Amino acid sequence: MHTQGIPASTAKMALRWAILILSTSLLVGACGAAFLHALEWTTGTFQTHPTEFIMALPFLGLLTVWAYSTFAATSAGGIKTLIEQIHLPQTEPLPRSMAPAILGGTLLAHLGGASVGREGTALQMGAACADQFSRFYKLTSSERQTLLLCGVSAGFAAVFGTPLAAAIFALEFVRRRTWQFIPCLTTALLADWIGQKIFGAHHLDYHRYFQGDNLTTVAGLGWAVLLGVAFGAAARLYLKAARDSRRAFARIHNPYYRILLGSVTFVTLMLCWNLSAYTGLGLNSISEAFTQTPPAYFWVVKILLTALCLAAGFKGGEVTPLFCVGATLGAWVGPLTGLPIEICVGLGFVAVFAGAGAVPVAGTAMAFEMFGFATGTYALAACFVSSLIAGKQRLYSET
């Protein structure tokens, strides 16, 4: 039977995917907005009483480990489990506990001021929410893979507000170049729109720092390449610090002891050296980088503290701290170049992320979405050079 010349099987498949994309977008958009609202409250609560909550971090860490071991043991694999499922989709969907577990764990980490991010939360939340719909539909391995990638795109877009970068990232970080970009972009656009327009999510606006028209020049491209080398070196340093920290903490087999040691070390450093500026996501430091030069050592300390917190077992991710690393490094080296300082900060913001994640196209797309066309083709040059300098090691390869 045909409907307007379209085979019934094709029409049925199109309807099924329309339902899957809309359902995923709505659910992930709502969850992403709820997470952002909760994260804003959590961060504000910490900033109101920083000393008290920093001292509580060891207890929050122990609570995180207990919650995972008691209620979400099957979700402990996190990003590693997600990537395995994308590459080799199995019959069982991702655990129902994955989304609430990573959301709760991330909020506990930020309540105590841990230097962690939120992209791990976005990816796991999005994919786990999307994959629950595979319980109601009989999907092939290829279809389920597409659904997982749509969930990743939706989660990234809902949390960061960059749907184009989200769709590209979903494919780039698992090394895929396929037609799946189309449903991924559709889901990302819808999830971002739903999160902002229906559930009131909002994202920081960096466009205000890029008021002038900066035309691309040969000299500017030269500086962008050199900055890409610096940002790639920073990404490489983070990857090494993260790898070495994971290996060191892996020697402590008991997760309670592991997170207790890491959190006590973090708290001691915070209180003895007054390092409160290095807690959390680092969004305030990113905004300040556009208007004032940070200390030369800021980005290095942020790298080390982020590696420490994640290796100890705190949840959240590392991308937003890497935004902070790149922005502060760009602000520090910016005066040495012939580029406007906001361009240098913006390039650092995306290029360290692009280098560490080996996602230069996603980094470039993010620059256009977050900063506008003021970054020109500079972001493309900086992101690709950073990826080359960072080397073969990348985020999630040994998660």
Protein backbone atom coordinates (compact mmCIF):
# COMPACT_ATOMS: atom_id res chain seq x y z
CA MET A 1 0.00 0.00 0.00
CA HIS A 2 1.29 3.44 -0.89
CA THR A 3 0.67 6.84 0.62
CA GLN A 4 1.12 9.61 -1.94
CA GLY A 5 3.64 7.49 -3.78
CA ILE A 6 5.63 6.69 -0.62
CA PRO A 7 5.90 3.02 0.39
CA ALA A 8 4.12 2.23 3.66
CA SER A 9 7.32 0.91 5.22
CA THR A 10 9.15 4.16 4.44
CA ALA A 11 6.32 6.29 5.81
CA LYS A 12 6.20 4.16 8.94
CA MET A 13 9.95 4.52 9.44
CA ALA A 14 9.80 8.29 8.90
CA LEU A 15 6.99 8.59 11.44
CA ARG A 16 8.88 6.47 13.95
CA TRP A 17 12.00 8.62 13.65
CA ALA A 18 9.98 11.81 13.87
CA ILE A 19 8.55 10.54 17.15
CA LEU A 20 11.97 9.44 18.41
CA ILE A 21 13.63 12.77 17.56
CA LEU A 22 10.81 14.85 19.05
CA SER A 23 10.63 12.71 22.19
CA THR A 24 14.38 12.77 22.68
CA SER A 25 14.54 16.51 22.13
CA LEU A 26 11.76 17.20 24.61
CA LEU A 27 13.09 14.91 27.32
CA VAL A 28 16.75 15.92 26.99
CA GLY A 29 15.88 19.60 26.59
CA ALA A 30 13.88 19.46 29.82
CA CYS A 31 16.58 17.52 31.68
CA GLY A 32 19.31 19.83 30.38
CA ALA A 33 17.42 22.91 31.54
CA ALA A 34 16.73 21.35 34.94
CA PHE A 35 20.42 20.52 35.26
CA LEU A 36 21.49 24.06 34.37
CA HIS A 37 19.03 25.57 36.86
CA ALA A 38 20.21 23.18 39.58
CA LEU A 39 23.86 23.84 38.72
CA GLU A 40 23.30 27.59 38.93
CA TRP A 41 21.74 27.19 42.38
CA THR A 42 24.49 24.81 43.50
CA THR A 43 27.25 27.16 42.32
CA GLY A 44 25.57 30.13 43.96
CA THR A 45 25.21 28.24 47.22
CA PHE A 46 28.89 27.32 47.16
CA GLN A 47 29.97 30.86 46.39
CA THR A 48 27.93 32.17 49.33
CA HIS A 49 29.70 29.86 51.79
CA PRO A 50 32.88 28.72 50.00
CA THR A 51 34.98 27.73 53.02
CA GLU A 52 32.25 25.63 54.61
CA PHE A 53 31.41 23.74 51.44
CA ILE A 54 35.04 23.20 50.46
CA MET A 55 35.60 21.57 53.84
CA ALA A 56 32.54 19.41 53.19
CA LEU A 57 33.94 18.15 49.87
CA PRO A 58 35.37 14.88 51.30
CA PHE A 59 31.94 13.98 52.69
CA LEU A 60 30.24 14.87 49.40
CA GLY A 61 32.78 12.70 47.60
CA LEU A 62 32.10 9.75 49.88
CA LEU A 63 28.36 10.27 49.35
CA THR A 64 28.91 10.17 45.58
CA VAL A 65 30.78 6.87 45.76
CA TRP A 66 28.16 5.38 48.07
CA ALA A 67 25.30 6.47 45.82
CA TYR A 68 26.93 5.00 42.72
CA SER A 69 27.83 1.72 44.41
CA THR A 70 24.36 1.38 45.98
CA PHE A 71 21.95 2.67 43.36
CA ALA A 72 23.87 3.00 40.09
CA ALA A 73 26.57 0.35 39.98
CA THR A 74 25.78 -0.42 36.34
CA SER A 75 26.30 3.26 35.44
CA ALA A 76 29.80 3.51 36.87
CA GLY A 77 31.39 3.05 33.44
CA GLY A 78 30.18 6.48 32.39
CA ILE A 79 31.58 7.83 29.12
CA LYS A 80 33.54 4.64 28.50
CA THR A 81 30.34 2.58 28.54
CA LEU A 82 28.64 5.13 26.30
CA ILE A 83 31.38 5.03 23.69
CA GLU A 84 31.41 1.22 23.71
CA GLN A 85 27.66 1.20 23.11
CA ILE A 86 27.95 3.64 20.22
CA HIS A 87 30.65 1.61 18.50
CA LEU A 88 29.03 -1.77 19.20
CA PRO A 89 25.35 -1.31 20.06
CA GLN A 90 24.08 -4.17 22.21
CA THR A 91 20.58 -5.33 22.96
CA GLU A 92 20.33 -3.83 26.44
CA PRO A 93 19.77 -0.04 26.59
CA LEU A 94 21.94 2.14 28.79
CA PRO A 95 20.94 1.85 32.47
CA ARG A 96 17.96 3.90 33.66
CA SER A 97 20.13 5.05 36.55
CA MET A 98 22.81 6.65 34.35
CA ALA A 99 21.14 10.04 33.84
CA PRO A 100 20.04 10.68 37.46
CA ALA A 101 23.35 9.33 38.79
CA ILE A 102 25.57 11.60 36.70
CA LEU A 103 23.31 14.59 37.35
CA GLY A 104 23.41 14.03 41.11
CA GLY A 105 27.13 13.27 41.18
CA THR A 106 27.97 16.42 39.22
CA LEU A 107 25.85 18.63 41.47
CA LEU A 108 27.51 17.18 44.59
CA ALA A 109 30.95 17.84 43.12
CA HIS A 110 30.09 21.47 42.34
CA LEU A 111 28.45 21.98 45.71
CA GLY A 112 31.86 21.23 47.23
CA GLY A 113 33.75 23.39 44.72
CA ALA A 114 35.51 20.57 42.87
CA SER A 115 37.25 21.67 39.68
CA VAL A 116 35.18 19.62 37.25
CA GLY A 117 33.06 20.36 34.20
CA ARG A 118 29.64 19.40 32.87
CA GLU A 119 30.11 17.88 29.41
CA GLY A 120 30.37 14.36 30.82
CA THR A 121 27.01 14.99 32.43
CA ALA A 122 25.57 16.33 29.16
CA LEU A 123 26.72 13.36 27.09
CA GLN A 124 25.66 10.65 29.54
CA MET A 125 22.36 12.33 30.36
CA GLY A 126 21.48 12.85 26.69
CA ALA A 127 22.44 9.39 25.53
CA ALA A 128 20.83 7.59 28.48
CA CYS A 129 17.56 9.51 28.09
CA ALA A 130 17.44 8.87 24.35
CA ASP A 131 18.29 5.20 24.72
CA GLN A 132 15.32 4.56 27.00
CA PHE A 133 13.07 4.97 23.95
CA SER A 134 14.75 1.92 22.41
CA ARG A 135 12.88 -0.10 25.03
CA PHE A 136 9.62 0.71 23.21
CA TYR A 137 10.82 0.28 19.63
CA LYS A 138 12.56 -2.63 17.99
CA LEU A 139 15.64 -0.91 16.54
CA THR A 140 18.45 -2.35 14.50
CA SER A 141 22.02 -1.82 15.70
CA SER A 142 22.47 0.99 13.20
CA GLU A 143 19.24 2.68 14.30
CA ARG A 144 20.13 2.42 17.96
CA GLN A 145 23.56 3.87 17.24
CA THR A 146 21.89 6.82 15.52
CA LEU A 147 19.56 7.28 18.50
CA LEU A 148 22.51 7.32 20.90
CA LEU A 149 24.32 9.91 18.79
CA CYS A 150 21.15 12.02 18.68
CA GLY A 151 21.02 11.85 22.47
CA VAL A 152 24.65 12.94 22.74
CA SER A 153 23.95 15.87 20.41
CA ALA A 154 20.84 16.87 22.33
CA GLY A 155 22.61 16.73 25.69
CA PHE A 156 25.58 18.78 24.50
CA ALA A 157 23.31 21.37 22.86
CA ALA A 158 20.98 21.64 25.85
CA VAL A 159 23.86 22.24 28.26
CA PHE A 160 26.13 24.44 26.12
CA GLY A 161 23.66 26.12 23.76
CA THR A 162 25.68 25.31 20.63
CA PRO A 163 23.61 22.90 18.50
CA LEU A 164 25.85 22.93 15.43
CA ALA A 165 28.96 22.17 17.49
CA ALA A 166 26.96 19.54 19.38
CA ALA A 167 25.98 17.64 16.24
CA ILE A 168 29.54 17.77 14.90
CA PHE A 169 31.02 16.77 18.25
CA ALA A 170 28.71 13.75 18.55
CA LEU A 171 30.21 12.29 15.39
CA GLU A 172 33.72 13.66 15.68
CA PHE A 173 34.51 12.37 19.16
CA VAL A 174 33.68 8.80 18.12
CA ARG A 175 35.33 9.27 14.71
CA ARG A 176 32.30 8.95 12.47
CA ARG A 177 31.62 10.83 9.20
CA THR A 178 28.13 9.84 8.07
CA TRP A 179 24.62 10.98 7.20
CA GLN A 180 23.81 10.67 10.92
CA PHE A 181 24.78 14.33 11.16
CA ILE A 182 21.30 15.26 9.89
CA PRO A 183 19.23 13.65 12.69
CA CYS A 184 21.89 14.72 15.20
CA LEU A 185 21.63 18.36 14.14
CA THR A 186 17.84 18.22 14.11
CA THR A 187 17.73 16.81 17.63
CA ALA A 188 20.34 19.29 18.88
CA LEU A 189 18.45 22.29 17.47
CA LEU A 190 15.17 21.14 18.98
CA ALA A 191 16.66 20.27 22.40
CA ASP A 192 18.41 23.64 22.60
CA TRP A 193 15.23 25.50 21.59
CA ILE A 194 13.06 23.53 24.02
CA GLY A 195 15.52 24.04 26.87
CA GLN A 196 15.69 27.79 26.37
CA LYS A 197 12.18 28.70 25.20
CA ILE A 198 10.06 26.28 27.20
CA PHE A 199 12.10 25.52 30.31
CA GLY A 200 13.97 28.79 30.72
CA ALA A 201 17.56 27.62 30.33
CA HIS A 202 20.04 30.38 29.59
CA HIS A 203 23.68 30.47 28.54
CA LEU A 204 26.37 33.08 29.00
CA ASP A 205 26.53 35.53 26.11
CA TYR A 206 30.09 36.12 24.93
CA HIS A 207 29.09 38.03 21.81
CA ARG A 208 29.22 41.31 23.74
CA TYR A 209 33.01 41.09 23.89
CA PHE A 210 33.22 40.98 20.08
CA GLN A 211 31.78 44.31 19.01
CA GLY A 212 34.22 45.27 16.25
CA ASP A 213 34.59 43.88 12.75
CA ASN A 214 37.84 41.93 12.64
CA LEU A 215 38.80 41.09 9.09
CA THR A 216 41.03 38.10 8.49
CA THR A 217 44.59 39.04 7.58
CA VAL A 218 47.67 37.04 6.67
CA ALA A 219 49.48 38.31 9.75
CA GLY A 220 46.46 37.43 11.88
CA LEU A 221 46.45 33.89 10.50
CA GLY A 222 50.12 33.59 11.37
CA TRP A 223 49.40 34.59 14.96
CA ALA A 224 46.45 32.17 15.07
CA VAL A 225 48.77 29.32 14.04
CA LEU A 226 51.28 30.26 16.74
CA LEU A 227 48.52 30.51 19.30
CA GLY A 228 47.31 27.09 18.14
CA VAL A 229 50.74 25.71 19.02
CA ALA A 230 50.49 27.18 22.53
CA PHE A 231 46.94 25.92 23.02
CA GLY A 232 47.90 22.48 21.70
CA ALA A 233 50.76 22.35 24.20
CA ALA A 234 48.30 23.23 26.99
CA ALA A 235 45.95 20.48 25.80
CA ARG A 236 48.84 18.03 25.71
CA LEU A 237 49.84 19.03 29.24
CA TYR A 238 46.31 18.42 30.48
CA LEU A 239 46.11 15.02 28.79
CA LYS A 240 49.37 13.99 30.41
CA ALA A 241 48.31 15.30 33.81
CA ALA A 242 44.97 13.50 33.53
CA ARG A 243 46.59 10.24 32.41
CA ASP A 244 49.25 10.30 35.12
CA SER A 245 46.70 11.21 37.80
CA ARG A 246 44.40 8.37 36.78
CA ARG A 247 47.25 5.89 36.89
CA ALA A 248 48.38 7.11 40.31
CA PHE A 249 44.89 6.94 41.81
CA ALA A 250 44.19 3.58 40.15
CA ARG A 251 46.69 2.07 42.59
CA ILE A 252 44.16 2.77 45.32
CA HIS A 253 41.61 0.06 44.62
CA ASN A 254 39.01 1.14 47.16
CA PRO A 255 36.96 4.00 45.59
CA TYR A 256 36.15 5.43 49.04
CA TYR A 257 39.83 5.79 49.91
CA ARG A 258 40.55 7.14 46.43
CA ILE A 259 38.03 9.97 46.56
CA LEU A 260 38.84 10.70 50.20
CA LEU A 261 42.53 11.15 49.42
CA GLY A 262 41.82 13.29 46.36
CA SER A 263 39.29 15.52 48.12
CA VAL A 264 41.43 16.02 51.23
CA THR A 265 44.37 16.97 48.99
CA PHE A 266 42.17 19.41 47.08
CA VAL A 267 40.77 20.96 50.28
CA THR A 268 44.25 21.35 51.76
CA LEU A 269 45.49 23.14 48.66
CA MET A 270 42.42 25.39 48.59
CA LEU A 271 42.72 26.46 52.21
CA CYS A 272 46.50 26.74 52.49
CA TRP A 273 47.06 28.70 49.28
CA ASN A 274 43.69 30.47 48.95
CA LEU A 275 42.93 28.94 45.58
CA SER A 276 39.18 29.53 45.63
CA ALA A 277 39.38 31.14 42.16
CA TYR A 278 40.17 27.69 40.75
CA THR A 279 37.04 25.95 42.00
CA GLY A 280 34.11 24.82 39.88
CA LEU A 281 33.66 25.44 36.18
CA GLY A 282 35.77 28.60 36.03
CA LEU A 283 33.11 30.67 34.25
CA ASN A 284 33.94 33.82 36.23
CA SER A 285 37.59 33.48 35.28
CA ILE A 286 36.61 33.12 31.61
CA SER A 287 34.59 36.35 31.70
CA GLU A 288 37.39 38.18 33.52
CA ALA A 289 39.91 37.02 30.91
CA PHE A 290 38.22 39.22 28.31
CA THR A 291 38.87 42.34 30.36
CA GLN A 292 41.98 41.70 32.47
CA THR A 293 45.15 39.64 32.30
CA PRO A 294 45.21 36.66 34.68
CA PRO A 295 48.34 35.46 36.51
CA ALA A 296 50.77 33.61 34.25
CA TYR A 297 50.36 30.40 36.25
CA PHE A 298 46.55 30.38 36.39
CA TRP A 299 45.96 27.98 33.50
CA VAL A 300 48.58 25.51 34.78
CA VAL A 301 47.03 25.36 38.25
CA LYS A 302 43.57 24.86 36.73
CA ILE A 303 44.89 21.95 34.70
CA LEU A 304 46.42 20.23 37.71
CA LEU A 305 43.41 20.69 39.98
CA THR A 306 40.98 19.44 37.33
CA ALA A 307 43.11 16.35 36.71
CA LEU A 308 43.24 15.74 40.47
CA CYS A 309 39.48 15.98 41.01
CA LEU A 310 38.53 13.75 38.09
CA ALA A 311 41.16 11.13 38.88
CA ALA A 312 39.90 10.98 42.45
CA GLY A 313 36.44 10.08 41.20
CA PHE A 314 34.39 13.27 41.12
CA LYS A 315 31.78 13.48 38.35
CA GLY A 316 31.15 16.13 35.71
CA GLY A 317 33.75 16.19 32.97
CA GLU A 318 36.61 18.40 31.91
CA VAL A 319 35.57 20.49 28.92
CA THR A 320 34.41 23.64 30.73
CA PRO A 321 37.57 23.76 32.88
CA LEU A 322 39.48 23.41 29.60
CA PHE A 323 37.55 26.40 28.26
CA CYS A 324 38.86 28.26 31.31
CA VAL A 325 42.41 27.00 30.74
CA GLY A 326 42.36 28.17 27.13
CA ALA A 327 40.72 31.52 27.84
CA THR A 328 43.16 32.45 30.61
CA LEU A 329 46.14 31.27 28.59
CA GLY A 330 44.89 33.31 25.62
CA ALA A 331 44.50 36.38 27.83
CA TRP A 332 48.05 35.95 29.14
CA VAL A 333 49.78 35.50 25.78
CA GLY A 334 47.40 37.79 23.87
CA PRO A 335 49.37 41.03 24.47
CA LEU A 336 52.37 39.41 22.76
CA THR A 337 50.44 39.04 19.51
CA GLY A 338 49.02 41.47 17.02
CA LEU A 339 45.47 40.25 17.55
CA PRO A 340 42.76 41.87 19.70
CA ILE A 341 42.69 40.36 23.17
CA GLU A 342 39.12 39.09 22.79
CA ILE A 343 40.17 37.09 19.73
CA CYS A 344 43.03 35.49 21.66
CA VAL A 345 40.75 34.61 24.58
CA GLY A 346 38.11 33.21 22.25
CA LEU A 347 40.64 31.14 20.33
CA GLY A 348 42.02 29.71 23.56
CA PHE A 349 38.50 28.93 24.74
CA VAL A 350 37.82 26.61 21.78
CA ALA A 351 41.30 25.49 20.71
CA VAL A 352 42.39 23.81 23.97
CA PHE A 353 39.10 21.89 23.93
CA ALA A 354 39.59 21.03 20.26
CA GLY A 355 43.14 19.84 20.87
CA ALA A 356 42.40 17.76 23.95
CA GLY A 357 39.33 16.17 22.40
CA ALA A 358 40.78 15.91 18.89
CA VAL A 359 37.63 17.65 17.65
CA PRO A 360 38.88 20.60 15.55
CA VAL A 361 35.72 20.92 13.47
CA ALA A 362 33.48 21.00 16.54
CA GLY A 363 35.80 23.56 18.13
CA THR A 364 35.60 25.77 15.06
CA ALA A 365 31.81 25.51 14.94
CA MET A 366 31.63 26.41 18.62
CA ALA A 367 33.72 29.53 18.00
CA PHE A 368 31.28 30.76 15.37
CA GLU A 369 28.26 29.97 17.56
CA MET A 370 29.61 31.47 20.76
CA PHE A 371 31.63 34.42 19.45
CA GLY A 372 30.15 35.16 16.04
CA PHE A 373 32.10 35.77 12.86
CA ALA A 374 34.60 38.01 14.65
CA THR A 375 36.85 34.97 15.06
CA GLY A 376 36.87 34.59 11.28
CA THR A 377 39.01 31.76 9.99
CA TYR A 378 41.40 32.20 12.93
CA ALA A 379 39.50 29.58 14.93
CA LEU A 380 39.83 27.05 12.13
CA ALA A 381 43.61 27.51 12.03
CA ALA A 382 44.05 27.49 15.82
CA CYS A 383 41.84 24.43 16.38
CA PHE A 384 43.49 22.27 13.72
CA VAL A 385 47.01 23.23 14.79
CA SER A 386 46.10 22.57 18.43
CA SER A 387 44.81 19.11 17.51
CA LEU A 388 48.07 18.32 15.73
CA ILE A 389 50.22 19.50 18.63
CA ALA A 390 48.13 17.69 21.26
CA GLY A 391 49.09 14.33 19.75
CA LYS A 392 47.34 10.99 19.53
CA GLN A 393 46.17 10.91 23.14
CA ARG A 394 42.73 12.50 23.57
CA LEU A 395 39.86 12.89 25.99
CA TYR A 396 37.89 9.73 26.69
CA SER A 397 40.45 7.42 25.06
CA GLU A 398 41.31 6.00 28.47
CA THR A 399 38.28 7.10 30.48
